[in-house]
Amino acid sequence: MAKKRTDPKEEALRADRALNPRPEAVTAAEFSTSEFFDARDLVQVKYEMLRRVQRDGSTVREAAAAFGFSRPSFYEAKSAYEQAGIPGLLAKRPGPRRAHKLSVAVVERLAEALAEDPSLSSADLADLVNAEFGVSVHPRSIERALARRPKDQRGPTR
């Protein structure tokens, strides 16, 4: 089987979460007539969509359709641009931003339990969190949370 050739620009866009998943939906004329405009570049597409409304007087409906977006997506991009400029047009990293289940109080309680009984496993600690806090946490998440604590606050290594 022949290996598919990869485009360096496409790989760079993908790595920066700026690859447009639907470049074929962009029907704006400048993206088909100019080498400068690249429908694969999500940030450029969003910026040009915003510019079309702001500078060229196009309606939101027309601009969103020409650039492959919905009206709500236009307003989301507009808000992000107003708050953060061009970097705001980049896709946000998916997933949770922090360990939301393992609060400081929960991690402190886990450290106490581990200090009292160093033979407790991660699964035992997960059961303790579930029983005392009503939160279901994976044992590996507990291991990571305990490892993130400052070295002088960590218990004995296992």
Protein backbone atom coordinates (compact mmCIF):
# COMPACT_ATOMS: atom_id res chain seq x y z
CA MET A 1 0.00 0.00 0.00
CA ALA A 2 1.40 3.39 -0.99
CA LYS A 3 1.98 5.86 1.80
CA LYS A 4 -0.14 9.00 1.53
CA ARG A 5 1.96 12.13 1.02
CA THR A 6 1.49 14.66 3.77
CA ASP A 7 1.39 18.38 3.24
CA PRO A 8 3.62 20.21 5.77
CA LYS A 9 1.21 23.15 6.03
CA GLU A 10 -1.70 20.82 6.70
CA GLU A 11 0.29 19.02 9.40
CA ALA A 12 1.24 22.36 11.00
CA LEU A 13 -2.37 23.52 10.97
CA ARG A 14 -3.48 20.23 12.52
CA ALA A 15 -0.81 20.47 15.24
CA ASP A 16 -2.00 23.99 16.15
CA ARG A 17 -5.71 22.99 16.10
CA ALA A 18 -6.20 25.39 13.17
CA LEU A 19 -7.07 22.87 10.45
CA ASN A 20 -10.53 23.53 9.02
CA PRO A 21 -12.43 20.22 9.17
CA ARG A 22 -14.65 21.32 6.26
CA PRO A 23 -12.60 23.34 3.76
CA GLU A 24 -14.92 22.28 0.95
CA ALA A 25 -17.75 24.24 2.62
CA VAL A 26 -15.91 27.53 2.01
CA THR A 27 -17.43 29.03 -1.13
CA ALA A 28 -16.12 32.60 -0.79
CA ALA A 29 -14.61 33.63 -4.12
CA GLU A 30 -11.26 34.78 -2.73
CA PHE A 31 -10.53 31.27 -1.45
CA SER A 32 -10.85 29.77 -4.92
CA THR A 33 -9.16 32.54 -6.92
CA SER A 34 -6.12 33.40 -4.81
CA GLU A 35 -3.18 31.33 -3.62
CA PHE A 36 -2.90 33.53 -0.52
CA PHE A 37 -6.23 32.36 0.90
CA ASP A 38 -6.32 28.77 2.14
CA ALA A 39 -9.68 27.23 3.07
CA ARG A 40 -7.83 24.69 5.23
CA ASP A 41 -6.67 27.50 7.57
CA LEU A 42 -9.54 27.80 10.05
CA VAL A 43 -8.23 31.00 11.64
CA GLN A 44 -7.92 32.73 8.26
CA VAL A 45 -11.39 31.57 7.23
CA LYS A 46 -12.96 32.85 10.46
CA TYR A 47 -11.11 36.16 10.25
CA GLU A 48 -12.16 36.74 6.65
CA MET A 49 -15.75 35.88 7.55
CA LEU A 50 -15.71 38.51 10.32
CA ARG A 51 -14.02 41.03 8.02
CA ARG A 52 -16.62 40.45 5.32
CA VAL A 53 -19.37 41.59 7.69
CA GLN A 54 -17.38 44.37 9.38
CA ARG A 55 -15.68 45.95 6.37
CA ASP A 56 -17.60 44.82 3.31
CA GLY A 57 -21.10 45.23 4.77
CA SER A 58 -22.23 41.68 4.08
CA THR A 59 -24.99 40.24 6.26
CA VAL A 60 -24.11 37.70 8.93
CA ARG A 61 -26.22 35.09 7.15
CA GLU A 62 -24.45 35.62 3.81
CA ALA A 63 -20.96 35.67 5.32
CA ALA A 64 -21.55 32.60 7.48
CA ALA A 65 -22.85 30.64 4.50
CA ALA A 66 -19.98 31.73 2.22
CA PHE A 67 -17.39 30.64 4.76
CA GLY A 68 -19.04 27.36 5.75
CA PHE A 69 -20.35 28.35 9.17
CA SER A 70 -23.70 28.76 10.89
CA ARG A 71 -24.89 32.11 12.24
CA PRO A 72 -24.31 31.00 15.86
CA SER A 73 -20.75 30.02 14.89
CA PHE A 74 -20.25 33.48 13.42
CA TYR A 75 -21.29 35.14 16.67
CA GLU A 76 -19.10 32.75 18.67
CA ALA A 77 -16.10 33.65 16.48
CA LYS A 78 -16.93 37.36 16.75
CA SER A 79 -17.04 37.19 20.53
CA ALA A 80 -13.78 35.23 20.70
CA TYR A 81 -12.10 37.74 18.38
CA GLU A 82 -13.33 40.70 20.41
CA GLN A 83 -12.03 39.14 23.62
CA ALA A 84 -8.67 37.78 22.46
CA GLY A 85 -7.97 38.96 18.93
CA ILE A 86 -6.71 36.50 16.32
CA PRO A 87 -5.53 33.91 18.91
CA GLY A 88 -9.14 33.76 20.09
CA LEU A 89 -10.08 32.26 16.73
CA LEU A 90 -8.01 29.13 17.44
CA ALA A 91 -9.93 26.09 18.58
CA LYS A 92 -9.71 25.53 22.31
CA ARG A 93 -8.03 22.43 23.68
CA PRO A 94 -10.67 19.72 24.17
CA GLY A 95 -11.38 18.10 27.51
CA PRO A 96 -11.29 19.26 31.11
CA ARG A 97 -8.95 22.13 31.96
CA ARG A 98 -8.06 20.88 35.44
CA ALA A 99 -8.64 18.01 37.84
CA HIS A 100 -12.15 19.14 38.74
CA LYS A 101 -13.13 16.09 40.81
CA LEU A 102 -9.97 16.05 42.89
CA SER A 103 -10.20 19.34 44.74
CA VAL A 104 -7.58 20.45 47.25
CA ALA A 105 -9.74 19.10 50.10
CA VAL A 106 -10.08 15.69 48.45
CA VAL A 107 -6.33 15.42 47.74
CA GLU A 108 -5.55 16.45 51.33
CA ARG A 109 -7.88 13.75 52.62
CA LEU A 110 -6.20 11.20 50.35
CA ALA A 111 -2.78 12.25 51.65
CA GLU A 112 -4.01 11.87 55.25
CA ALA A 113 -5.38 8.40 54.54
CA LEU A 114 -2.14 7.39 52.85
CA ALA A 115 -0.10 8.75 55.79
CA GLU A 116 -2.22 6.71 58.20
CA ASP A 117 -1.96 3.55 56.11
CA PRO A 118 0.77 3.57 53.42
CA SER A 119 -0.39 0.15 52.18
CA LEU A 120 -3.57 1.64 50.65
CA SER A 121 -3.72 1.14 46.89
CA SER A 122 -5.02 3.65 44.37
CA ALA A 123 -8.19 1.57 44.09
CA ASP A 124 -8.64 1.73 47.87
CA LEU A 125 -8.22 5.51 47.75
CA ALA A 126 -10.76 5.72 44.90
CA ASP A 127 -13.23 3.81 47.07
CA LEU A 128 -12.54 6.21 49.95
CA VAL A 129 -13.23 9.25 47.73
CA ASN A 130 -16.46 7.66 46.53
CA ALA A 131 -17.58 6.83 50.09
CA GLU A 132 -16.66 10.15 51.71
CA PHE A 133 -17.23 12.65 48.90
CA GLY A 134 -19.68 10.83 46.60
CA VAL A 135 -17.33 11.29 43.65
CA SER A 136 -16.26 8.52 41.29
CA VAL A 137 -12.58 8.89 40.39
CA HIS A 138 -10.28 6.60 38.45
CA PRO A 139 -7.34 5.25 40.50
CA ARG A 140 -4.84 6.60 37.96
CA SER A 141 -6.28 10.12 38.43
CA ILE A 142 -5.59 9.77 42.15
CA GLU A 143 -2.00 8.70 41.45
CA ARG A 144 -1.48 11.75 39.21
CA ALA A 145 -3.04 14.14 41.76
CA LEU A 146 -0.85 12.83 44.55
CA ALA A 147 2.23 13.05 42.32
CA ARG A 148 1.44 16.73 41.54
CA ARG A 149 1.70 17.67 45.20
CA PRO A 150 4.90 19.47 46.21
CA LYS A 151 7.70 17.03 47.01
CA ASP A 152 7.89 18.08 50.66
CA GLN A 153 4.18 17.21 51.10
CA ARG A 154 4.32 13.77 49.47
CA GLY A 155 4.34 10.67 51.57
CA PRO A 156 6.66 7.69 51.22
CA THR A 157 7.14 6.35 47.71
CA ARG A 158 5.75 2.95 46.87
